[in-house]
Amino acid sequence: MKRILNKQRVRGKDKYLVCWKGFTTESNTWEGRENLKNAKKAIEEFEKEYWRDIEDVVRQECEKGMFKRGELPGRFTTRKLFG
């Protein structure tokens, strides 16, 4: 494994997009945590970077005044339509 590129949740389980060493990007695969037991350090590094990026987006949107403090921007936000 070269590195982890992305993360998604499928049926309540985390899946990671893995870039494999020596292969092209077409060979990247989505793998569950159970298939990455030997990559704990890579998962931890990815998770730190992933949450840091989310915090940066939230902070930038709050500074622009587009969202209230504590409200998540864009695709993370649900809005109350009635009442």
N, C-alpha and C. Protein backbone atom coordinates (compact mmCIF):
# COMPACT_ATOMS: atom_id res chain seq x y z
N MET A 1 0.84 -1.18 0.00
CA MET A 1 0.00 0.00 0.00
C MET A 1 0.89 1.24 0.00
N LYS A 2 0.50 2.21 -0.82
CA LYS A 2 1.24 3.46 -0.89
C LYS A 2 0.66 4.48 0.08
N ARG A 3 -0.66 4.71 0.00
CA ARG A 3 -1.34 5.64 0.91
C ARG A 3 -2.85 5.52 0.79
N ILE A 4 -3.55 6.14 1.74
CA ILE A 4 -5.01 6.19 1.72
C ILE A 4 -5.43 7.54 1.17
N LEU A 5 -6.36 7.52 0.22
CA LEU A 5 -6.76 8.74 -0.48
C LEU A 5 -8.07 9.33 0.00
N ASN A 6 -9.01 8.47 0.43
CA ASN A 6 -10.33 8.96 0.79
C ASN A 6 -11.02 7.96 1.72
N LYS A 7 -12.18 8.35 2.22
CA LYS A 7 -12.94 7.52 3.15
C LYS A 7 -14.42 7.69 2.85
N GLN A 8 -15.18 6.60 3.00
CA GLN A 8 -16.63 6.67 2.90
C GLN A 8 -17.23 5.65 3.86
N ARG A 9 -18.48 5.87 4.23
CA ARG A 9 -19.17 4.95 5.13
C ARG A 9 -20.21 4.20 4.31
N VAL A 10 -20.11 2.87 4.31
CA VAL A 10 -21.03 2.02 3.57
C VAL A 10 -21.64 1.03 4.55
N ARG A 11 -22.97 1.10 4.69
CA ARG A 11 -23.70 0.21 5.59
C ARG A 11 -23.11 0.20 7.00
N GLY A 12 -22.75 1.39 7.47
CA GLY A 12 -22.25 1.54 8.83
C GLY A 12 -20.78 1.19 9.04
N LYS A 13 -20.06 0.86 7.97
CA LYS A 13 -18.65 0.51 8.09
C LYS A 13 -17.81 1.46 7.24
N ASP A 14 -16.65 1.82 7.77
CA ASP A 14 -15.74 2.70 7.04
C ASP A 14 -15.02 1.92 5.95
N LYS A 15 -14.94 2.54 4.77
CA LYS A 15 -14.17 2.00 3.65
C LYS A 15 -13.16 3.07 3.26
N TYR A 16 -11.96 2.64 2.93
CA TYR A 16 -10.88 3.56 2.57
C TYR A 16 -10.45 3.31 1.13
N LEU A 17 -10.23 4.41 0.40
CA LEU A 17 -9.74 4.31 -0.97
C LEU A 17 -8.21 4.20 -0.89
N VAL A 18 -7.70 3.06 -1.32
CA VAL A 18 -6.28 2.76 -1.17
C VAL A 18 -5.56 2.89 -2.50
N CYS A 19 -4.45 3.61 -2.47
CA CYS A 19 -3.55 3.72 -3.62
C CYS A 19 -2.45 2.68 -3.40
N TRP A 20 -2.32 1.75 -4.33
CA TRP A 20 -1.37 0.66 -4.18
C TRP A 20 -0.03 1.01 -4.81
N LYS A 21 1.03 0.70 -4.10
CA LYS A 21 2.40 0.96 -4.56
C LYS A 21 2.68 0.12 -5.81
N GLY A 22 3.21 0.79 -6.83
CA GLY A 22 3.58 0.11 -8.07
C GLY A 22 2.45 -0.06 -9.07
N PHE A 23 1.26 0.48 -8.76
CA PHE A 23 0.11 0.35 -9.65
C PHE A 23 -0.39 1.74 -10.05
N THR A 24 -1.16 1.79 -11.12
CA THR A 24 -1.72 3.06 -11.59
C THR A 24 -2.97 3.40 -10.79
N THR A 25 -3.49 4.61 -11.00
CA THR A 25 -4.68 5.05 -10.26
C THR A 25 -5.91 4.22 -10.59
N GLU A 26 -5.93 3.59 -11.75
CA GLU A 26 -7.06 2.72 -12.10
C GLU A 26 -7.13 1.50 -11.18
N SER A 27 -6.03 1.19 -10.51
CA SER A 27 -5.98 0.03 -9.62
C SER A 27 -6.35 0.36 -8.18
N ASN A 28 -6.66 1.64 -7.90
CA ASN A 28 -7.08 2.00 -6.54
C ASN A 28 -8.35 1.24 -6.19
N THR A 29 -8.44 0.80 -4.92
CA THR A 29 -9.61 0.03 -4.50
C THR A 29 -10.14 0.55 -3.17
N TRP A 30 -11.44 0.31 -2.94
CA TRP A 30 -12.07 0.62 -1.66
C TRP A 30 -11.93 -0.61 -0.78
N GLU A 31 -11.30 -0.44 0.37
CA GLU A 31 -11.07 -1.55 1.28
C GLU A 31 -11.63 -1.24 2.66
N GLY A 32 -12.21 -2.25 3.30
CA GLY A 32 -12.68 -2.11 4.66
C GLY A 32 -11.51 -2.14 5.64
N ARG A 33 -11.76 -1.63 6.83
CA ARG A 33 -10.71 -1.59 7.86
C ARG A 33 -10.18 -3.00 8.15
N GLU A 34 -11.07 -4.00 8.07
CA GLU A 34 -10.65 -5.37 8.37
C GLU A 34 -9.62 -5.88 7.37
N ASN A 35 -9.57 -5.30 6.17
CA ASN A 35 -8.57 -5.70 5.17
C ASN A 35 -7.28 -4.90 5.28
N LEU A 36 -7.24 -3.94 6.19
CA LEU A 36 -6.06 -3.07 6.33
C LEU A 36 -5.44 -3.19 7.72
N LYS A 37 -5.45 -4.39 8.27
CA LYS A 37 -4.92 -4.60 9.63
C LYS A 37 -3.45 -4.22 9.76
N ASN A 38 -2.69 -4.36 8.69
CA ASN A 38 -1.26 -4.04 8.73
C ASN A 38 -0.98 -2.57 8.41
N ALA A 39 -2.02 -1.77 8.25
CA ALA A 39 -1.87 -0.37 7.86
C ALA A 39 -2.44 0.58 8.91
N LYS A 40 -2.34 0.23 10.18
CA LYS A 40 -2.91 1.05 11.25
C LYS A 40 -2.33 2.46 11.26
N LYS A 41 -1.02 2.56 11.04
CA LYS A 41 -0.37 3.88 11.04
C LYS A 41 -0.90 4.75 9.89
N ALA A 42 -1.05 4.17 8.72
CA ALA A 42 -1.56 4.91 7.56
C ALA A 42 -3.00 5.38 7.81
N ILE A 43 -3.81 4.54 8.45
CA ILE A 43 -5.19 4.92 8.76
C ILE A 43 -5.21 6.07 9.76
N GLU A 44 -4.38 5.98 10.80
CA GLU A 44 -4.32 7.04 11.81
C GLU A 44 -3.90 8.37 11.19
N GLU A 45 -2.88 8.35 10.33
CA GLU A 45 -2.43 9.57 9.66
C GLU A 45 -3.52 10.15 8.78
N PHE A 46 -4.22 9.29 8.03
CA PHE A 46 -5.29 9.75 7.17
C PHE A 46 -6.40 10.38 8.00
N GLU A 47 -6.81 9.71 9.09
CA GLU A 47 -7.89 10.22 9.94
C GLU A 47 -7.55 11.60 10.51
N LYS A 48 -6.32 11.80 10.96
CA LYS A 48 -5.91 13.11 11.48
C LYS A 48 -6.05 14.18 10.41
N GLU A 49 -5.55 13.89 9.22
CA GLU A 49 -5.61 14.85 8.11
C GLU A 49 -7.06 15.09 7.68
N TYR A 50 -7.86 14.04 7.63
CA TYR A 50 -9.27 14.11 7.23
C TYR A 50 -10.05 15.05 8.15
N TRP A 51 -9.92 14.86 9.47
CA TRP A 51 -10.66 15.71 10.42
C TRP A 51 -10.11 17.12 10.47
N ARG A 52 -8.81 17.28 10.26
CA ARG A 52 -8.23 18.63 10.21
C ARG A 52 -8.80 19.39 9.02
N ASP A 53 -8.95 18.72 7.88
CA ASP A 53 -9.53 19.36 6.69
C ASP A 53 -10.98 19.76 6.92
N ILE A 54 -11.76 18.90 7.57
CA ILE A 54 -13.16 19.22 7.86
C ILE A 54 -13.24 20.43 8.79
N GLU A 55 -12.39 20.46 9.82
CA GLU A 55 -12.38 21.60 10.73
C GLU A 55 -12.02 22.89 10.01
N ASP A 56 -11.09 22.83 9.06
CA ASP A 56 -10.71 24.01 8.28
C ASP A 56 -11.89 24.54 7.46
N VAL A 57 -12.63 23.64 6.83
CA VAL A 57 -13.79 24.05 6.02
C VAL A 57 -14.84 24.71 6.90
N VAL A 58 -15.13 24.11 8.03
CA VAL A 58 -16.13 24.67 8.95
C VAL A 58 -15.69 26.05 9.43
N ARG A 59 -14.41 26.20 9.81
CA ARG A 59 -13.90 27.49 10.28
C ARG A 59 -14.00 28.55 9.19
N GLN A 60 -13.63 28.21 7.97
CA GLN A 60 -13.69 29.18 6.87
C GLN A 60 -15.11 29.62 6.60
N GLU A 61 -16.05 28.69 6.61
CA GLU A 61 -17.44 29.04 6.35
C GLU A 61 -18.01 29.90 7.48
N CYS A 62 -17.62 29.61 8.71
CA CYS A 62 -18.10 30.42 9.84
C CYS A 62 -17.54 31.84 9.76
N GLU A 63 -16.26 31.96 9.35
CA GLU A 63 -15.64 33.29 9.24
C GLU A 63 -16.32 34.12 8.15
N LYS A 64 -16.81 33.48 7.11
CA LYS A 64 -17.51 34.19 6.04
C LYS A 64 -18.91 34.61 6.48
N GLY A 65 -19.36 34.08 7.60
CA GLY A 65 -20.69 34.42 8.09
C GLY A 65 -21.81 33.68 7.41
N MET A 66 -21.48 32.65 6.66
CA MET A 66 -22.50 31.91 5.94
C MET A 66 -23.25 30.94 6.84
N PHE A 67 -22.62 30.50 7.92
CA PHE A 67 -23.22 29.53 8.80
C PHE A 67 -23.02 29.94 10.24
N LYS A 68 -23.93 29.49 11.08
CA LYS A 68 -23.79 29.74 12.50
C LYS A 68 -22.72 28.83 13.07
N ARG A 69 -22.14 29.25 14.17
CA ARG A 69 -21.14 28.42 14.84
C ARG A 69 -21.77 27.08 15.23
N GLY A 70 -21.11 25.99 14.92
CA GLY A 70 -21.62 24.67 15.24
C GLY A 70 -22.44 24.03 14.13
N GLU A 71 -22.81 24.82 13.12
CA GLU A 71 -23.56 24.28 12.00
C GLU A 71 -22.58 23.86 10.92
N LEU A 72 -22.78 22.69 10.35
CA LEU A 72 -21.88 22.21 9.31
C LEU A 72 -22.27 22.77 7.96
N PRO A 73 -21.30 23.11 7.12
CA PRO A 73 -21.58 23.69 5.81
C PRO A 73 -21.98 22.66 4.77
N GLY A 74 -22.59 23.17 3.71
CA GLY A 74 -22.85 22.41 2.49
C GLY A 74 -23.53 21.09 2.66
N ARG A 75 -22.91 20.06 2.14
CA ARG A 75 -23.52 18.74 2.09
C ARG A 75 -23.75 18.13 3.46
N PHE A 76 -23.13 18.69 4.52
CA PHE A 76 -23.30 18.16 5.86
C PHE A 76 -24.53 18.73 6.55
N THR A 77 -25.15 19.74 5.96
CA THR A 77 -26.21 20.48 6.64
C THR A 77 -27.58 20.04 6.19
N THR A 78 -28.48 19.87 7.14
CA THR A 78 -29.89 19.70 6.81
C THR A 78 -30.61 20.95 7.27
N ARG A 79 -31.54 21.39 6.53
CA ARG A 79 -32.28 22.62 6.85
C ARG A 79 -33.71 22.28 7.21
N LYS A 80 -34.27 23.03 8.12
CA LYS A 80 -35.67 22.86 8.51
C LYS A 80 -36.53 23.59 7.49
N LEU A 81 -37.44 22.87 6.85
CA LEU A 81 -38.24 23.48 5.81
C LEU A 81 -39.56 24.06 6.31
N PHE A 82 -40.13 23.45 7.32
CA PHE A 82 -41.42 23.90 7.83
C PHE A 82 -41.35 24.07 9.34
N GLY A 83 -42.13 25.04 9.84
CA GLY A 83 -42.29 25.22 11.28
C GLY A 83 -41.10 25.73 11.93
